[in-house]
Amino acid sequence: MPIMIRFLTGLHWLAGKVLGIPSVCHVRGGDYEGSGFMRWTYTLPDHFISVSHWIAKSMQDKLNIPAEKISVVYDGIALEKLDTHADGTEFRRAYHIPDEALPSAWLVC
């Protein structure tokens, strides 16, 4: 049986329900304070893939999604592209980031 995977809109999940096609929702953020319609769309997917346990717990707490409907799959890192010897000086200079500024946890590979 085909599986519909959709990341952005609830209309695709609704189409999956109507057509009897299982659907999976990939969840990257934990902000579920949207409209009632948006919250309702989260009742449609058959399963969810969360990028962290924190987001999975947030989905359970805020959207009442059962834990058994959520799998956690962390984003991967291409280690062969990671320069462990980079000191960041050139990046800071190019983007005018002061030496005393604390970098965020974003990693771009």
Foldseek 3Di string as FASTA:
>chain_A
DAEAEDEDDLVVLVVCVVVVHAYEYEDEDLDPPDDPVSLVSVVRHQAYEYQDVVSLVSCCVVNVDDSVRYDYDHDDDPVVPDDPPDPCPVVCVVVVNDPPDDDDPDDDD
